[in-house]
Every structure is written in C-alpha cells, then in structure tokens.
N, C-alpha and C. Protein backbone atom coordinates (compact mmCIF):
# COMPACT_ATOMS: atom_id res chain seq x y z
N MET A 1 76.54 118.46 163.40
CA MET A 1 77.39 118.70 162.27
C MET A 1 77.18 117.59 161.26
N GLN A 2 76.92 117.97 160.03
CA GLN A 2 76.62 117.08 158.94
C GLN A 2 77.92 116.28 158.56
N PRO A 3 77.85 114.99 158.31
CA PRO A 3 79.03 114.22 157.86
C PRO A 3 79.48 114.84 156.58
N LEU A 4 80.83 114.70 156.32
CA LEU A 4 81.42 115.21 155.06
C LEU A 4 81.10 114.26 153.93
N ILE A 5 80.53 114.89 152.89
CA ILE A 5 80.21 114.11 151.63
C ILE A 5 80.99 114.76 150.44
N VAL A 6 81.73 113.94 149.76
CA VAL A 6 82.51 114.37 148.58
C VAL A 6 81.87 113.59 147.38
N ALA A 7 81.37 114.30 146.43
CA ALA A 7 80.86 113.66 145.24
C ALA A 7 81.83 113.74 144.07
N ILE A 8 82.14 112.58 143.48
CA ILE A 8 83.07 112.52 142.37
C ILE A 8 82.38 111.83 141.20
N ASP A 9 81.97 112.55 140.20
CA ASP A 9 81.22 112.02 139.02
C ASP A 9 82.11 112.05 137.79
N GLY A 10 81.65 111.30 136.77
CA GLY A 10 82.39 111.24 135.52
C GLY A 10 82.19 109.97 134.81
N PRO A 11 82.54 109.91 133.51
CA PRO A 11 82.43 108.62 132.71
C PRO A 11 83.36 107.58 133.15
N SER A 12 83.29 106.42 132.57
CA SER A 12 84.18 105.33 132.83
C SER A 12 85.64 105.66 132.37
N GLY A 13 86.58 105.13 133.04
CA GLY A 13 87.97 105.30 132.62
C GLY A 13 88.73 106.53 132.97
N VAL A 14 88.05 107.38 133.87
CA VAL A 14 88.77 108.57 134.27
C VAL A 14 89.51 108.40 135.64
N GLY A 15 89.37 107.23 136.19
CA GLY A 15 90.05 106.99 137.45
C GLY A 15 89.26 107.21 138.70
N LYS A 16 87.95 107.32 138.54
CA LYS A 16 87.13 107.65 139.72
C LYS A 16 87.33 106.74 140.92
N SER A 17 87.36 105.43 140.72
CA SER A 17 87.48 104.48 141.79
C SER A 17 88.82 104.69 142.56
N THR A 18 89.95 104.75 141.83
CA THR A 18 91.20 104.89 142.45
C THR A 18 91.35 106.23 143.18
N VAL A 19 90.89 107.30 142.47
CA VAL A 19 90.91 108.67 143.05
C VAL A 19 90.06 108.71 144.32
N SER A 20 88.90 108.10 144.27
CA SER A 20 87.97 108.14 145.37
C SER A 20 88.53 107.47 146.57
N ARG A 21 89.17 106.33 146.35
CA ARG A 21 89.82 105.59 147.45
C ARG A 21 90.89 106.39 148.12
N LEU A 22 91.73 107.05 147.35
CA LEU A 22 92.83 107.82 147.89
C LEU A 22 92.32 109.11 148.55
N VAL A 23 91.33 109.74 147.96
CA VAL A 23 90.76 110.92 148.65
C VAL A 23 90.13 110.59 149.95
N ALA A 24 89.38 109.49 149.95
CA ALA A 24 88.76 109.03 151.26
C ALA A 24 89.83 108.76 152.30
N ARG A 25 90.96 108.18 151.88
CA ARG A 25 92.04 107.92 152.85
C ARG A 25 92.63 109.22 153.35
N GLU A 26 92.87 110.19 152.46
CA GLU A 26 93.43 111.45 152.84
C GLU A 26 92.47 112.24 153.80
N LEU A 27 91.18 112.13 153.55
CA LEU A 27 90.20 112.84 154.40
C LEU A 27 89.73 112.02 155.60
N ASP A 28 90.16 110.77 155.63
CA ASP A 28 89.72 109.85 156.72
C ASP A 28 88.25 109.66 156.82
N ILE A 29 87.59 109.39 155.68
CA ILE A 29 86.18 109.07 155.65
C ILE A 29 86.02 107.87 154.75
N PRO A 30 84.88 107.20 154.78
CA PRO A 30 84.69 105.95 153.99
C PRO A 30 84.60 106.21 152.54
N GLN A 31 84.95 105.26 151.70
CA GLN A 31 84.68 105.33 150.31
C GLN A 31 83.47 104.47 149.98
N ILE A 32 82.53 105.04 149.24
CA ILE A 32 81.31 104.30 148.88
C ILE A 32 81.28 104.24 147.37
N ASP A 33 81.68 103.10 146.81
CA ASP A 33 81.80 102.87 145.35
C ASP A 33 80.41 102.60 144.76
N THR A 34 79.70 103.62 144.36
CA THR A 34 78.38 103.42 143.75
C THR A 34 78.40 102.69 142.39
N GLY A 35 79.46 102.92 141.68
CA GLY A 35 79.58 102.20 140.45
C GLY A 35 79.62 100.68 140.60
N ALA A 36 80.37 100.28 141.71
CA ALA A 36 80.42 98.87 142.01
C ALA A 36 79.06 98.31 142.36
N MET A 37 78.20 99.15 142.94
CA MET A 37 76.86 98.69 143.34
C MET A 37 76.06 98.33 142.08
N TYR A 38 76.13 99.19 141.05
CA TYR A 38 75.38 98.91 139.77
C TYR A 38 76.02 97.70 139.11
N ARG A 39 77.32 97.60 139.15
CA ARG A 39 78.01 96.50 138.56
C ARG A 39 77.58 95.20 139.28
N ALA A 40 77.43 95.24 140.55
CA ALA A 40 76.99 93.99 141.29
C ALA A 40 75.64 93.57 140.86
N ILE A 41 74.73 94.50 140.69
CA ILE A 41 73.35 94.25 140.19
C ILE A 41 73.42 93.71 138.79
N GLY A 42 74.31 94.26 137.96
CA GLY A 42 74.51 93.85 136.56
C GLY A 42 74.97 92.39 136.57
N LEU A 43 75.92 92.04 137.47
CA LEU A 43 76.33 90.67 137.56
C LEU A 43 75.30 89.74 138.00
N ALA A 44 74.55 90.17 138.96
CA ALA A 44 73.41 89.33 139.47
C ALA A 44 72.40 89.07 138.39
N ALA A 45 72.07 90.13 137.64
CA ALA A 45 71.11 90.01 136.52
C ALA A 45 71.57 89.06 135.41
N THR A 46 72.89 89.17 135.13
CA THR A 46 73.49 88.32 134.11
C THR A 46 73.44 86.89 134.53
N ARG A 47 73.84 86.66 135.79
CA ARG A 47 73.77 85.28 136.29
C ARG A 47 72.37 84.66 136.32
N ALA A 48 71.42 85.51 136.61
CA ALA A 48 70.07 85.04 136.69
C ALA A 48 69.31 84.95 135.33
N GLY A 49 70.06 85.48 134.30
CA GLY A 49 69.44 85.41 132.96
C GLY A 49 68.30 86.38 132.77
N ILE A 50 68.27 87.47 133.54
CA ILE A 50 67.20 88.45 133.48
C ILE A 50 67.43 89.35 132.27
N ASP A 51 66.34 89.59 131.49
CA ASP A 51 66.42 90.50 130.34
C ASP A 51 66.56 91.91 130.87
N PHE A 52 67.47 92.66 130.27
CA PHE A 52 67.76 94.04 130.73
C PHE A 52 66.60 94.98 130.46
N LYS A 53 65.56 94.51 129.74
CA LYS A 53 64.40 95.33 129.48
C LYS A 53 63.26 94.97 130.45
N ASP A 54 63.49 93.93 131.33
CA ASP A 54 62.49 93.52 132.25
C ASP A 54 62.66 94.36 133.56
N GLU A 55 62.04 95.50 133.53
CA GLU A 55 62.25 96.45 134.64
C GLU A 55 61.72 95.87 135.98
N PRO A 56 60.57 95.27 136.00
CA PRO A 56 60.05 94.73 137.33
C PRO A 56 61.01 93.67 137.88
N ALA A 57 61.50 92.79 137.05
CA ALA A 57 62.47 91.77 137.54
C ALA A 57 63.75 92.38 138.07
N LEU A 58 64.25 93.36 137.36
CA LEU A 58 65.51 93.96 137.77
C LEU A 58 65.30 94.76 139.08
N ALA A 59 64.14 95.46 139.24
CA ALA A 59 63.89 96.18 140.42
C ALA A 59 63.74 95.22 141.66
N GLU A 60 63.12 94.11 141.39
CA GLU A 60 62.98 93.11 142.49
C GLU A 60 64.35 92.57 142.86
N LEU A 61 65.20 92.31 141.88
CA LEU A 61 66.54 91.81 142.12
C LEU A 61 67.33 92.81 142.93
N ALA A 62 67.24 94.07 142.61
CA ALA A 62 68.02 95.14 143.34
C ALA A 62 67.52 95.20 144.77
N ALA A 63 66.21 95.07 144.93
CA ALA A 63 65.64 95.23 146.32
C ALA A 63 66.04 94.08 147.21
N LYS A 64 66.26 92.91 146.70
CA LYS A 64 66.57 91.79 147.54
C LYS A 64 68.09 91.49 147.68
N SER A 65 68.86 92.08 146.83
CA SER A 65 70.35 91.91 146.87
C SER A 65 70.94 92.63 148.03
N GLN A 66 71.95 92.04 148.63
CA GLN A 66 72.66 92.64 149.78
C GLN A 66 74.11 93.05 149.26
N ILE A 67 74.30 94.28 149.27
CA ILE A 67 75.62 94.85 148.77
C ILE A 67 76.32 95.51 149.97
N GLU A 68 77.56 95.13 150.14
CA GLU A 68 78.34 95.72 151.24
C GLU A 68 79.76 95.96 150.78
N PHE A 69 80.44 96.87 151.45
CA PHE A 69 81.87 97.07 151.21
C PHE A 69 82.71 96.71 152.35
N VAL A 70 83.76 96.01 152.15
CA VAL A 70 84.68 95.62 153.20
C VAL A 70 85.90 96.49 153.03
N PRO A 71 86.18 97.42 154.04
CA PRO A 71 87.31 98.29 153.89
C PRO A 71 88.63 97.59 153.99
N GLY A 72 89.72 98.22 153.46
CA GLY A 72 91.03 97.68 153.53
C GLY A 72 91.91 98.45 152.56
N GLU A 73 93.08 97.90 152.27
CA GLU A 73 93.97 98.56 151.35
C GLU A 73 93.26 98.73 149.98
N LYS A 74 92.50 97.67 149.64
CA LYS A 74 91.64 97.72 148.54
C LYS A 74 90.29 97.29 148.98
N SER A 75 89.31 98.20 148.90
CA SER A 75 87.98 97.87 149.32
C SER A 75 87.43 96.67 148.52
N ARG A 76 86.72 95.75 149.24
CA ARG A 76 86.14 94.63 148.56
C ARG A 76 84.63 94.79 148.42
N THR A 77 84.09 94.44 147.33
CA THR A 77 82.70 94.49 147.07
C THR A 77 81.99 93.16 147.31
N MET A 78 81.09 93.09 148.21
CA MET A 78 80.36 91.88 148.54
C MET A 78 78.96 91.85 148.05
N LEU A 79 78.58 90.80 147.31
CA LEU A 79 77.23 90.65 146.84
C LEU A 79 76.60 89.37 147.52
N ASP A 80 75.66 89.61 148.33
CA ASP A 80 75.04 88.49 149.08
C ASP A 80 76.03 87.59 149.70
N GLY A 81 77.05 88.25 150.34
CA GLY A 81 78.12 87.52 151.06
C GLY A 81 79.27 86.99 150.21
N GLU A 82 79.23 87.18 148.91
CA GLU A 82 80.24 86.72 147.98
C GLU A 82 81.16 87.86 147.54
N ASP A 83 82.44 87.64 147.65
CA ASP A 83 83.40 88.67 147.19
C ASP A 83 83.38 88.71 145.58
N VAL A 84 82.83 89.82 145.08
CA VAL A 84 82.72 89.86 143.58
C VAL A 84 83.57 91.02 143.05
N THR A 85 84.57 91.50 143.80
CA THR A 85 85.34 92.63 143.43
C THR A 85 85.94 92.53 142.06
N ASP A 86 86.51 91.40 141.73
CA ASP A 86 87.14 91.19 140.39
C ASP A 86 86.19 90.88 139.34
N LEU A 87 85.09 90.13 139.71
CA LEU A 87 84.09 89.64 138.79
C LEU A 87 83.31 90.75 138.13
N ILE A 88 83.14 91.89 138.82
CA ILE A 88 82.36 93.01 138.28
C ILE A 88 83.13 93.95 137.43
N ARG A 89 84.41 93.66 137.12
CA ARG A 89 85.26 94.60 136.41
C ARG A 89 85.53 94.13 134.97
N THR A 90 84.69 93.23 134.43
CA THR A 90 84.86 92.76 133.07
C THR A 90 84.11 93.67 132.14
N PRO A 91 84.48 93.73 130.77
CA PRO A 91 83.72 94.57 129.88
C PRO A 91 82.26 94.19 129.81
N GLU A 92 81.94 92.87 129.92
CA GLU A 92 80.53 92.42 129.83
C GLU A 92 79.74 93.02 131.02
N ILE A 93 80.30 93.00 132.22
CA ILE A 93 79.57 93.50 133.34
C ILE A 93 79.55 95.04 133.33
N SER A 94 80.55 95.67 132.74
CA SER A 94 80.51 97.17 132.54
C SER A 94 79.21 97.53 131.79
N MET A 95 79.00 96.84 130.69
CA MET A 95 77.84 97.16 129.90
C MET A 95 76.55 96.76 130.62
N ALA A 96 76.58 95.65 131.36
CA ALA A 96 75.41 95.27 132.12
C ALA A 96 75.07 96.32 133.17
N ALA A 97 76.13 96.94 133.79
CA ALA A 97 75.91 97.93 134.82
C ALA A 97 75.25 99.16 134.11
N SER A 98 75.68 99.53 132.97
CA SER A 98 75.11 100.67 132.24
C SER A 98 73.63 100.43 131.93
N HIS A 99 73.30 99.18 131.58
CA HIS A 99 71.88 98.86 131.31
C HIS A 99 71.05 98.99 132.59
N VAL A 100 71.47 98.30 133.67
CA VAL A 100 70.61 98.36 134.83
C VAL A 100 70.56 99.69 135.51
N SER A 101 71.68 100.50 135.35
CA SER A 101 71.61 101.82 135.96
C SER A 101 70.66 102.79 135.26
N ALA A 102 70.16 102.36 134.07
CA ALA A 102 69.19 103.25 133.38
C ALA A 102 67.75 102.87 133.80
N ILE A 103 67.58 101.89 134.68
CA ILE A 103 66.25 101.54 135.15
C ILE A 103 65.91 102.42 136.36
N PRO A 104 64.90 103.28 136.33
CA PRO A 104 64.56 104.14 137.47
C PRO A 104 64.35 103.43 138.75
N ALA A 105 63.62 102.23 138.68
CA ALA A 105 63.34 101.54 139.94
C ALA A 105 64.62 100.97 140.59
N VAL A 106 65.57 100.58 139.75
CA VAL A 106 66.84 100.08 140.31
C VAL A 106 67.63 101.23 140.94
N ARG A 107 67.65 102.42 140.27
CA ARG A 107 68.28 103.59 140.81
C ARG A 107 67.73 103.94 142.16
N ARG A 108 66.38 103.90 142.28
CA ARG A 108 65.78 104.32 143.48
C ARG A 108 66.21 103.52 144.64
N VAL A 109 66.35 102.17 144.48
CA VAL A 109 66.76 101.25 145.53
C VAL A 109 68.27 101.59 145.90
N LEU A 110 69.09 101.75 144.94
CA LEU A 110 70.53 101.95 145.21
C LEU A 110 70.82 103.33 145.71
N VAL A 111 70.08 104.32 145.22
CA VAL A 111 70.33 105.68 145.73
C VAL A 111 69.93 105.72 147.15
N LYS A 112 68.84 105.09 147.51
CA LYS A 112 68.46 105.11 148.96
C LYS A 112 69.52 104.46 149.86
N LEU A 113 70.08 103.41 149.37
CA LEU A 113 71.15 102.72 150.14
C LEU A 113 72.37 103.60 150.23
N GLN A 114 72.77 104.27 149.08
CA GLN A 114 73.89 105.20 149.12
C GLN A 114 73.69 106.34 150.04
N GLN A 115 72.50 106.91 150.09
CA GLN A 115 72.21 107.98 151.01
C GLN A 115 72.30 107.56 152.50
N GLU A 116 71.78 106.37 152.71
CA GLU A 116 71.88 105.87 154.13
C GLU A 116 73.32 105.66 154.52
N MET A 117 74.15 105.11 153.63
CA MET A 117 75.57 104.91 153.99
C MET A 117 76.26 106.25 154.18
N GLY A 118 76.02 107.23 153.34
CA GLY A 118 76.67 108.56 153.42
C GLY A 118 76.23 109.36 154.65
N ARG A 119 74.96 109.29 154.98
CA ARG A 119 74.46 110.08 156.08
C ARG A 119 74.86 109.51 157.44
N ARG A 120 75.25 108.25 157.37
CA ARG A 120 75.62 107.59 158.63
C ARG A 120 77.05 108.01 159.05
N ASN A 121 77.96 107.87 158.10
CA ASN A 121 79.36 108.12 158.44
C ASN A 121 80.08 109.12 157.45
N GLY A 122 79.34 109.77 156.54
CA GLY A 122 79.99 110.56 155.54
C GLY A 122 80.62 109.66 154.49
N GLY A 123 81.31 110.25 153.55
CA GLY A 123 82.01 109.41 152.60
C GLY A 123 82.35 110.09 151.28
N VAL A 124 83.18 109.44 150.54
CA VAL A 124 83.51 109.84 149.18
C VAL A 124 82.75 108.95 148.28
N LEU A 125 81.77 109.46 147.50
CA LEU A 125 80.95 108.69 146.64
C LEU A 125 81.35 109.00 145.15
N GLU A 126 81.56 107.98 144.39
CA GLU A 126 81.84 108.17 142.96
C GLU A 126 80.79 107.50 142.13
N GLY A 127 80.47 108.15 140.98
CA GLY A 127 79.46 107.59 140.10
C GLY A 127 79.21 108.47 138.92
N ARG A 128 77.94 108.63 138.56
CA ARG A 128 77.57 109.43 137.43
C ARG A 128 76.52 110.53 137.76
N ASP A 129 75.91 110.36 139.01
CA ASP A 129 74.90 111.33 139.34
C ASP A 129 74.89 111.66 140.85
N ILE A 130 76.07 111.57 141.43
CA ILE A 130 76.23 111.71 142.90
C ILE A 130 75.87 113.17 143.23
N GLY A 131 76.45 114.11 142.55
CA GLY A 131 76.28 115.57 142.86
C GLY A 131 74.97 116.11 142.28
N THR A 132 74.31 115.42 141.36
CA THR A 132 73.09 115.90 140.80
C THR A 132 71.85 115.30 141.40
N LYS A 133 71.92 114.01 141.84
CA LYS A 133 70.75 113.28 142.34
C LYS A 133 70.91 112.72 143.73
N VAL A 134 72.11 112.13 144.05
CA VAL A 134 72.22 111.43 145.36
C VAL A 134 72.50 112.43 146.49
N PHE A 135 73.46 113.31 146.32
CA PHE A 135 73.77 114.28 147.35
C PHE A 135 73.93 115.64 146.71
N PRO A 136 72.81 116.17 146.11
CA PRO A 136 72.93 117.51 145.42
C PRO A 136 73.31 118.64 146.37
N GLU A 137 73.08 118.41 147.71
CA GLU A 137 73.32 119.48 148.67
C GLU A 137 74.76 119.67 149.05
N THR A 138 75.59 118.66 148.72
CA THR A 138 76.99 118.84 149.15
C THR A 138 77.70 119.90 148.31
N PRO A 139 78.56 120.75 148.96
CA PRO A 139 79.30 121.71 148.21
C PRO A 139 80.54 121.13 147.54
N HIS A 140 80.85 119.87 147.87
CA HIS A 140 82.13 119.27 147.43
C HIS A 140 81.84 118.32 146.20
N LYS A 141 81.66 118.89 145.01
CA LYS A 141 81.35 118.13 143.79
C LYS A 141 82.48 118.23 142.77
N PHE A 142 82.88 117.14 142.24
CA PHE A 142 83.94 117.09 141.26
C PHE A 142 83.52 116.21 140.04
N PHE A 143 83.78 116.78 138.89
CA PHE A 143 83.45 115.99 137.68
C PHE A 143 84.78 115.66 136.98
N LEU A 144 85.17 114.48 136.91
CA LEU A 144 86.41 114.03 136.23
C LEU A 144 86.15 113.69 134.80
N THR A 145 86.95 114.11 133.95
CA THR A 145 86.83 113.77 132.54
C THR A 145 88.18 113.49 131.92
N ALA A 146 88.22 112.97 130.75
CA ALA A 146 89.44 112.72 129.98
C ALA A 146 89.06 112.34 128.52
N ARG A 147 89.95 112.55 127.65
CA ARG A 147 89.71 112.26 126.22
C ARG A 147 89.34 110.77 126.14
N PRO A 148 88.37 110.40 125.25
CA PRO A 148 87.95 108.99 125.07
C PRO A 148 89.15 108.02 124.81
N ALA A 149 90.06 108.43 123.93
CA ALA A 149 91.16 107.56 123.61
C ALA A 149 92.09 107.33 124.81
N VAL A 150 92.22 108.27 125.68
CA VAL A 150 92.97 108.17 126.87
C VAL A 150 92.34 107.23 127.84
N ARG A 151 91.01 107.36 127.98
CA ARG A 151 90.26 106.48 128.86
C ARG A 151 90.22 105.01 128.35
N ALA A 152 90.14 104.90 127.07
CA ALA A 152 90.13 103.53 126.49
C ALA A 152 91.53 102.84 126.67
N GLN A 153 92.56 103.67 126.56
CA GLN A 153 93.97 103.14 126.71
C GLN A 153 94.16 102.65 128.16
N ARG A 154 93.61 103.41 129.13
CA ARG A 154 93.69 103.06 130.51
C ARG A 154 92.97 101.70 130.76
N ARG A 155 91.79 101.61 130.21
CA ARG A 155 90.99 100.45 130.41
C ARG A 155 91.64 99.22 129.70
N TYR A 156 92.20 99.46 128.52
CA TYR A 156 92.95 98.42 127.85
C TYR A 156 94.11 97.82 128.67
N ARG A 157 94.83 98.75 129.23
CA ARG A 157 96.00 98.37 130.07
C ARG A 157 95.53 97.58 131.29
N GLU A 158 94.41 98.03 131.94
CA GLU A 158 93.91 97.39 133.10
C GLU A 158 93.45 95.93 132.82
N LEU A 159 92.76 95.78 131.69
CA LEU A 159 92.27 94.42 131.40
C LEU A 159 93.42 93.55 130.97
N SER A 160 94.36 94.07 130.20
CA SER A 160 95.58 93.33 129.74
C SER A 160 96.36 92.82 130.93
N ALA A 161 96.46 93.72 131.99
CA ALA A 161 97.22 93.38 133.16
C ALA A 161 96.59 92.20 133.88
N LYS A 162 95.30 92.02 133.71
CA LYS A 162 94.54 90.94 134.39
C LYS A 162 94.52 89.66 133.52
N GLY A 163 95.17 89.77 132.36
CA GLY A 163 95.27 88.58 131.48
C GLY A 163 94.04 88.32 130.63
N GLN A 164 93.18 89.35 130.53
CA GLN A 164 91.98 89.20 129.73
C GLN A 164 92.29 89.56 128.30
N PRO A 165 91.83 88.72 127.34
CA PRO A 165 92.07 89.04 125.90
C PRO A 165 91.16 90.22 125.46
N VAL A 166 91.87 91.28 125.10
CA VAL A 166 91.19 92.53 124.74
C VAL A 166 91.82 93.13 123.45
N ASP A 167 90.92 93.86 122.72
CA ASP A 167 91.41 94.63 121.54
C ASP A 167 91.15 96.12 121.75
N PHE A 168 92.16 96.93 121.53
CA PHE A 168 92.04 98.35 121.89
C PHE A 168 90.82 99.00 121.11
N ASP A 169 90.68 98.72 119.89
CA ASP A 169 89.60 99.31 119.09
C ASP A 169 88.21 98.94 119.64
N THR A 170 88.12 97.75 120.12
CA THR A 170 86.83 97.26 120.76
C THR A 170 86.64 98.03 122.06
N VAL A 171 87.69 98.20 122.87
CA VAL A 171 87.56 98.92 124.15
C VAL A 171 87.21 100.37 123.85
N LEU A 172 87.77 100.99 122.88
CA LEU A 172 87.44 102.34 122.53
C LEU A 172 86.03 102.45 122.06
N ALA A 173 85.56 101.53 121.27
CA ALA A 173 84.14 101.56 120.80
C ALA A 173 83.19 101.42 121.95
N GLU A 174 83.52 100.50 122.92
CA GLU A 174 82.67 100.33 124.06
C GLU A 174 82.63 101.52 124.99
N THR A 175 83.79 102.24 125.07
CA THR A 175 83.83 103.42 125.83
C THR A 175 82.95 104.55 125.24
N VAL A 176 83.01 104.71 123.96
CA VAL A 176 82.17 105.75 123.32
C VAL A 176 80.68 105.29 123.41
N GLN A 177 80.44 104.02 123.26
CA GLN A 177 79.08 103.55 123.33
C GLN A 177 78.47 103.81 124.76
N ARG A 178 79.24 103.51 125.77
CA ARG A 178 78.81 103.65 127.09
C ARG A 178 78.58 105.16 127.49
N ASP A 179 79.45 105.98 126.94
CA ASP A 179 79.27 107.48 127.17
C ASP A 179 77.96 107.89 126.60
N LYS A 180 77.66 107.43 125.37
CA LYS A 180 76.38 107.85 124.73
C LYS A 180 75.19 107.28 125.53
N GLN A 181 75.33 106.07 125.95
CA GLN A 181 74.21 105.42 126.72
C GLN A 181 74.00 106.10 128.05
N ASP A 182 75.05 106.43 128.78
CA ASP A 182 74.92 107.07 130.11
C ASP A 182 74.48 108.52 130.00
N SER A 183 74.92 109.24 128.93
CA SER A 183 74.59 110.62 128.86
C SER A 183 73.25 110.90 128.25
N THR A 184 72.62 109.93 127.66
CA THR A 184 71.33 110.14 126.96
C THR A 184 70.17 109.40 127.66
N ARG A 185 70.48 108.64 128.74
CA ARG A 185 69.35 107.94 129.42
C ARG A 185 68.42 108.96 130.06
N ALA A 186 67.18 108.55 130.19
CA ALA A 186 66.10 109.48 130.68
C ALA A 186 66.28 109.78 132.15
N ASP A 187 66.66 108.80 132.89
CA ASP A 187 66.71 108.98 134.38
C ASP A 187 68.19 109.20 134.85
N SER A 188 68.44 110.32 135.47
CA SER A 188 69.74 110.63 135.99
C SER A 188 70.85 110.49 135.03
N PRO A 189 70.91 111.20 133.87
CA PRO A 189 71.91 111.09 132.93
C PRO A 189 73.28 111.59 133.45
N LEU A 190 74.35 111.16 132.83
CA LEU A 190 75.68 111.62 133.17
C LEU A 190 75.80 113.06 132.76
N THR A 191 75.93 113.98 133.70
CA THR A 191 76.00 115.41 133.40
C THR A 191 76.62 116.13 134.55
N TYR A 192 76.92 117.38 134.40
CA TYR A 192 77.34 118.23 135.54
C TYR A 192 76.93 119.65 135.22
N ASP A 193 76.99 120.51 136.32
CA ASP A 193 76.64 121.87 136.16
C ASP A 193 77.69 122.77 136.84
N ASP A 194 77.32 124.07 136.98
CA ASP A 194 78.36 125.04 137.47
C ASP A 194 78.72 124.80 138.92
N SER A 195 78.00 123.96 139.62
CA SER A 195 78.29 123.75 141.05
C SER A 195 79.45 122.79 141.23
N TYR A 196 79.95 122.17 140.04
CA TYR A 196 81.06 121.25 140.07
C TYR A 196 82.42 121.88 139.86
N HIS A 197 83.45 121.25 140.34
CA HIS A 197 84.80 121.55 139.93
C HIS A 197 85.14 120.56 138.87
N LEU A 198 85.44 121.06 137.68
CA LEU A 198 85.73 120.16 136.54
C LEU A 198 87.23 119.83 136.53
N VAL A 199 87.60 118.60 136.47
CA VAL A 199 89.04 118.14 136.48
C VAL A 199 89.27 117.22 135.27
N ASP A 200 90.07 117.77 134.28
CA ASP A 200 90.50 116.89 133.16
C ASP A 200 91.64 116.12 133.54
N THR A 201 91.53 114.82 133.59
CA THR A 201 92.57 113.94 134.12
C THR A 201 93.51 113.41 132.94
N SER A 202 93.23 113.79 131.72
CA SER A 202 93.95 113.30 130.56
C SER A 202 95.46 113.35 130.74
N ASP A 203 95.99 114.48 131.22
CA ASP A 203 97.41 114.64 131.36
C ASP A 203 97.88 114.85 132.77
N LEU A 204 97.09 114.30 133.73
CA LEU A 204 97.45 114.41 135.16
C LEU A 204 97.67 113.04 135.68
N THR A 205 98.54 112.96 136.67
CA THR A 205 98.76 111.65 137.33
C THR A 205 97.69 111.54 138.47
N ILE A 206 97.49 110.33 138.94
CA ILE A 206 96.53 110.02 140.01
C ILE A 206 96.77 110.93 141.25
N PRO A 207 98.05 111.03 141.69
CA PRO A 207 98.38 111.88 142.82
C PRO A 207 97.99 113.36 142.62
N GLU A 208 98.21 113.80 141.39
CA GLU A 208 97.84 115.19 141.06
C GLU A 208 96.30 115.43 141.16
N VAL A 209 95.56 114.49 140.65
CA VAL A 209 94.08 114.60 140.75
C VAL A 209 93.67 114.55 142.17
N VAL A 210 94.23 113.62 142.96
CA VAL A 210 93.85 113.54 144.38
C VAL A 210 94.18 114.83 145.11
N SER A 211 95.38 115.37 144.84
CA SER A 211 95.80 116.59 145.48
C SER A 211 94.85 117.77 145.24
N ARG A 212 94.44 117.87 143.99
CA ARG A 212 93.44 118.96 143.65
C ARG A 212 92.13 118.85 144.34
N ILE A 213 91.65 117.62 144.43
CA ILE A 213 90.34 117.39 145.10
C ILE A 213 90.47 117.63 146.57
N VAL A 214 91.46 117.11 147.20
CA VAL A 214 91.65 117.27 148.68
C VAL A 214 91.88 118.74 149.07
N GLU A 215 92.64 119.43 148.23
CA GLU A 215 92.88 120.84 148.44
C GLU A 215 91.54 121.64 148.35
N ALA A 216 90.76 121.32 147.36
CA ALA A 216 89.42 122.01 147.17
C ALA A 216 88.54 121.76 148.28
N VAL A 217 88.48 120.56 148.78
CA VAL A 217 87.60 120.18 149.94
C VAL A 217 88.04 120.92 151.16
N ARG A 218 89.35 120.99 151.42
CA ARG A 218 89.85 121.56 152.66
C ARG A 218 89.81 123.07 152.62
N THR A 219 89.95 123.71 151.47
CA THR A 219 89.95 125.16 151.42
C THR A 219 88.74 125.83 150.77
N GLY A 220 87.92 124.92 150.14
CA GLY A 220 86.70 125.43 149.55
C GLY A 220 86.91 125.98 148.09
N LYS A 221 88.10 125.80 147.61
CA LYS A 221 88.39 126.26 146.21
C LYS A 221 89.45 125.38 145.60
N PRO A 222 89.37 125.22 144.24
CA PRO A 222 90.30 124.31 143.56
C PRO A 222 91.73 124.72 143.68
N GLU A 223 92.68 123.76 143.63
CA GLU A 223 94.08 124.05 143.67
C GLU A 223 94.48 124.73 142.34
N ALA A 224 95.26 125.70 142.41
CA ALA A 224 95.69 126.45 141.14
C ALA A 224 96.50 125.57 140.27
C-alpha cells in the first residue's frame, strides 16, 4: 500500500504551512515543509555571500546542506544541525528562497529529498509544485489562493507580531513581485490544473480550510 501523500500548493501568504501542519495532524502523517527547505538554502546562500545567479555554487551548496525537520507542536527546521526555524521567515530570506528555487539544479536536489521523505512515511507536502512536479501521481492535490491584499495583510501581521519593522505597502509590493517571479520562472512555475481542488482562503478561517482538505482526502471529494 502506497503511503498517503497530500499536496498543498499556492503562493506565499495563503496559510500553507499552518494548514499543512494541522492537516498532517488530523491525518496522522508527517508534515514536510518544502518551502522551508528552499528558505534554508536561501539563508545558507545569503550567509555564504553566494550570488543568486551563480548556479553551480548554489547547486553545490544545496547538495552538501543537511536539512531536517524535528516534529513537535511546531515543527522545527534544522540546517546543518542549527535550528533556523525563525531565521528563515524574514522578508529577505523569502526573496532569497524565491531566487534559489528558480535554479533547476537546486530544485533537483531538494525534490529528490522531498520524494525520499514522502515515499518513506507519506506526508503532507506544501510548496509551489508539489502536485505538478514532486508527486504528480497523488490524487490529493490542493491549490490554496487568496487575494494579494489579504495575503500581504497576513504577512504584515505575522512580521509585526515578531517585532520586525515592516511597512504594509512594502509587504504588498513584495507579495506581488514574488507571485510574478514564481509564476514566470522557467523551471516548475507556480501553477495548477484540473487535477487540483482549488480553495480560496481569502474569507475562510484556518479550521475551515483544514476541514475542507481533510474531508476531501477522506471522501475523495471536496466539502460542500
């Protein structure tokens, strides 16, 4: 019997990480935060001063980096043994992640790792190309979306709560810029097709989104 794989794709700010964690808990399978993996490489590249156009150096960095997840109430992201859970959630690293995720050689390294993790124990994977490239064979594909202003407001509140100085207009501009960058990249662009359940989270609570996904996985059809 094949392990259960749930793919949750969508742009930044739609709640993928939180929803994925709660769906994984409801279904009793691991959460594999693929976005955190790209953020970790983005952080490592920033620290090393690697130019985001230097594809060979970025590919080498991805290949030698050790990324692990420590389960718990809040999953922790480990990079070469260091807990970088909070360090990878800044606006700077969000953009760095978008840059490195556009490098085909980096994607190949991380996709292979994601597939190994999923095929070992199953899991809920969230990202931008899980259902199109990483696990296209799974029938459980969900694309979360929300209006850009709603997503920017969520991100603004999240950063403000952490005490980071932020400006809403800047966050909104970065949201739109990253959408364009992710949806127009040549390798594995942000997209979805008819095999996905589309969920607009703009006016839904997190529990409502989780309920819809869990219901769809268990019954094979979206919640009405």
